[in-house]
Amino acid sequence: MSSAPIADADAAVQLDEVVREWATQWCDGGVLREIAHNPSPDDRGQYHWLIRLRGEEKDIIALWLTLRQRTVHLETEVMAAAEENREVLYRYLLVKNAELRGLRLAIGPEEGIYLMAEIPVGELSVERLDELVGAHVVYVDEIFPTAMSIGLASLYRRRRPGGAATL
């Protein structure tokens, strides 16, 4: 197995081009809200993109793309830290984790629940980005209402058709 090449400023430019080309496909559907990108690396040399998408169950799905040393990391927060029924929630998430293809659920900063994916820099294309973003949207919308109903049961009421969820 060979290692992926180390990413650099050229890789950031290429990734930005892929993101922009991908965005043209999603603009007409009403799902893509915004893309933000800082063309300068952070203090660790990583480049970041923020893609805001409209979800069905979760109003806004904020998907972070990070160009790391050899990979492109994608992540979105599914929900904030659970305040109740943690064991039940974690069991539900572990079962869901086994169903995910190319993505994984994790406990992130401040105990939030995150959906993540990571691919080698050289594998990123418009088609692959489309597949990953689409999977994030589908899985967040699938997991969010049940996870919220378990982990924040006293605060969350599931959205009803034609109505809004409350939190």
Protein backbone atom coordinates (compact mmCIF):
# COMPACT_ATOMS: atom_id res chain seq x y z
CA MET A 1 0.00 0.00 0.00
CA SER A 2 1.48 3.35 -1.00
CA SER A 3 0.96 6.49 1.02
CA ALA A 4 -1.00 9.46 -0.27
CA PRO A 5 1.00 12.50 -1.39
CA ILE A 6 1.39 15.37 1.05
CA ALA A 7 -1.12 18.15 0.38
CA ASP A 8 0.09 21.69 -0.25
CA ALA A 9 -1.25 25.04 -1.50
CA ASP A 10 -1.74 23.51 -4.97
CA ALA A 11 -3.92 20.80 -3.43
CA ALA A 12 -5.95 23.54 -1.72
CA VAL A 13 -6.50 25.29 -5.05
CA GLN A 14 -7.53 22.00 -6.67
CA LEU A 15 -9.92 21.21 -3.82
CA ASP A 16 -11.43 24.68 -4.08
CA GLU A 17 -12.01 24.10 -7.80
CA VAL A 18 -13.69 20.76 -7.08
CA VAL A 19 -15.92 22.38 -4.43
CA ARG A 20 -16.92 25.22 -6.78
CA GLU A 21 -17.65 22.85 -9.68
CA TRP A 22 -19.66 20.62 -7.35
CA ALA A 23 -21.60 23.65 -6.06
CA THR A 24 -22.87 24.51 -9.53
CA GLN A 25 -24.70 21.16 -9.55
CA TRP A 26 -26.35 21.80 -6.17
CA CYS A 27 -27.32 25.47 -6.61
CA ASP A 28 -30.54 24.78 -8.50
CA GLY A 29 -31.89 22.23 -6.02
CA GLY A 30 -32.31 24.62 -3.11
CA VAL A 31 -30.28 22.38 -0.78
CA LEU A 32 -27.02 24.36 -0.97
CA ARG A 33 -27.22 27.52 1.14
CA GLU A 34 -23.65 28.81 1.17
CA ILE A 35 -19.98 27.95 0.83
CA ALA A 36 -17.32 29.79 2.80
CA HIS A 37 -13.58 29.30 2.39
CA ASN A 38 -10.54 31.01 3.81
CA PRO A 39 -7.78 30.75 1.19
CA SER A 40 -5.11 30.85 3.92
CA PRO A 41 -4.16 27.81 6.00
CA ASP A 42 -4.73 27.71 9.74
CA ASP A 43 -1.87 27.47 12.25
CA ARG A 44 -1.56 23.72 11.53
CA GLY A 45 -1.29 24.27 7.77
CA GLN A 46 -4.81 22.99 7.08
CA TYR A 47 -7.33 24.59 4.73
CA HIS A 48 -11.05 24.74 5.56
CA TRP A 49 -14.34 25.04 3.70
CA LEU A 50 -17.76 25.41 5.31
CA ILE A 51 -20.71 24.17 3.27
CA ARG A 52 -24.14 25.03 4.63
CA LEU A 53 -26.96 22.82 3.39
CA ARG A 54 -30.69 22.76 4.01
CA GLY A 55 -31.92 19.53 5.55
CA GLU A 56 -35.39 18.08 5.90
CA GLU A 57 -35.25 17.16 9.59
CA LYS A 58 -32.36 19.40 10.65
CA ASP A 59 -32.83 22.86 9.19
CA ILE A 60 -29.15 23.64 8.57
CA ILE A 61 -26.46 21.02 8.05
CA ALA A 62 -23.05 22.65 8.40
CA LEU A 63 -20.46 20.44 6.72
CA TRP A 64 -16.79 21.23 7.29
CA LEU A 65 -14.21 20.13 4.72
CA THR A 66 -10.63 20.20 5.96
CA LEU A 67 -7.63 19.61 3.76
CA ARG A 68 -5.21 17.82 6.06
CA GLN A 69 -1.69 16.63 5.36
CA ARG A 70 -2.76 13.68 3.19
CA THR A 71 -6.54 13.56 3.42
CA VAL A 72 -9.73 15.53 3.02
CA HIS A 73 -11.74 15.27 6.23
CA LEU A 74 -15.50 15.93 6.21
CA GLU A 75 -17.57 16.37 9.35
CA THR A 76 -20.88 17.72 10.53
CA GLU A 77 -22.41 17.93 13.96
CA VAL A 78 -25.51 15.76 14.09
CA MET A 79 -26.52 17.02 17.53
CA ALA A 80 -25.18 18.70 20.65
CA ALA A 81 -24.25 16.69 23.73
CA ALA A 82 -26.97 14.43 25.08
CA GLU A 83 -28.48 15.55 28.35
CA GLU A 84 -30.44 12.39 29.04
CA ASN A 85 -30.67 8.72 28.01
CA ARG A 86 -26.99 8.63 27.01
CA GLU A 87 -26.67 4.86 27.12
CA VAL A 88 -29.77 4.42 24.94
CA LEU A 89 -28.52 7.09 22.53
CA TYR A 90 -25.02 5.61 22.26
CA ARG A 91 -26.48 2.16 21.63
CA TYR A 92 -28.67 3.59 18.85
CA LEU A 93 -25.66 5.37 17.33
CA LEU A 94 -23.46 2.26 17.47
CA VAL A 95 -26.14 0.26 15.65
CA LYS A 96 -26.45 3.05 13.02
CA ASN A 97 -22.66 3.18 12.70
CA ALA A 98 -22.66 -0.39 11.42
CA GLU A 99 -25.05 0.63 8.60
CA LEU A 100 -23.02 3.61 7.37
CA ARG A 101 -21.01 3.19 4.19
CA GLY A 102 -17.83 5.27 4.09
CA LEU A 103 -18.89 7.43 7.03
CA ARG A 104 -18.74 7.06 10.79
CA LEU A 105 -20.41 8.51 13.85
CA ALA A 106 -18.22 9.83 16.67
CA ILE A 107 -18.37 11.75 19.90
CA GLY A 108 -16.62 15.04 19.25
CA PRO A 109 -15.75 18.19 21.13
CA GLU A 110 -17.97 18.96 24.09
CA GLU A 111 -19.62 15.52 23.73
CA GLY A 112 -21.46 16.43 20.52
CA ILE A 113 -22.36 13.70 18.02
CA TYR A 114 -20.59 14.05 14.67
CA LEU A 115 -20.83 12.32 11.31
CA MET A 116 -17.42 12.08 9.61
CA ALA A 117 -15.67 10.82 6.51
CA GLU A 118 -12.09 10.94 5.31
CA ILE A 119 -10.59 10.21 1.92
CA PRO A 120 -7.10 10.52 0.45
CA VAL A 121 -6.47 13.88 -1.24
CA GLY A 122 -5.93 12.24 -4.63
CA GLU A 123 -9.35 10.54 -4.56
CA LEU A 124 -11.38 13.74 -4.34
CA SER A 125 -13.37 14.52 -7.45
CA VAL A 126 -16.66 16.27 -8.12
CA GLU A 127 -18.38 12.88 -8.21
CA ARG A 128 -16.80 11.71 -4.93
CA LEU A 129 -17.60 15.01 -3.19
CA ASP A 130 -21.18 14.75 -4.43
CA GLU A 131 -21.44 11.22 -3.03
CA LEU A 132 -20.02 12.25 0.36
CA VAL A 133 -22.09 15.41 0.75
CA GLY A 134 -25.22 13.56 -0.33
CA ALA A 135 -24.52 10.80 2.20
CA HIS A 136 -24.03 13.38 4.97
CA VAL A 137 -27.36 15.03 4.17
CA VAL A 138 -29.25 11.73 3.97
CA TYR A 139 -27.75 10.28 7.15
CA VAL A 140 -28.07 13.46 9.21
CA ASP A 141 -31.73 13.72 8.25
CA GLU A 142 -32.20 10.04 9.10
CA ILE A 143 -30.34 10.04 12.42
CA PHE A 144 -31.11 13.54 13.78
CA PRO A 145 -34.77 13.18 14.84
CA THR A 146 -34.32 9.86 16.61
CA ALA A 147 -31.05 10.92 18.27
CA MET A 148 -32.60 14.19 19.44
CA SER A 149 -35.73 12.39 20.70
CA ILE A 150 -33.51 10.13 22.79
CA GLY A 151 -30.68 12.41 23.95
CA LEU A 152 -32.59 15.68 24.33
CA ALA A 153 -36.06 14.22 24.85
CA SER A 154 -37.32 16.95 27.17
CA LEU A 155 -36.31 19.72 24.72
CA TYR A 156 -36.95 18.30 21.25
CA ARG A 157 -40.22 17.73 19.49
CA ARG A 158 -40.04 16.10 16.08
CA ARG A 159 -41.03 18.17 13.09
CA ARG A 160 -44.42 17.41 11.67
CA PRO A 161 -45.21 17.73 7.95
CA GLY A 162 -45.92 21.39 7.24
CA GLY A 163 -44.78 22.41 10.70
CA ALA A 164 -41.55 23.23 12.44
CA ALA A 165 -39.59 21.30 15.01
CA THR A 166 -39.02 22.86 18.36
CA LEU A 167 -35.85 22.90 20.36
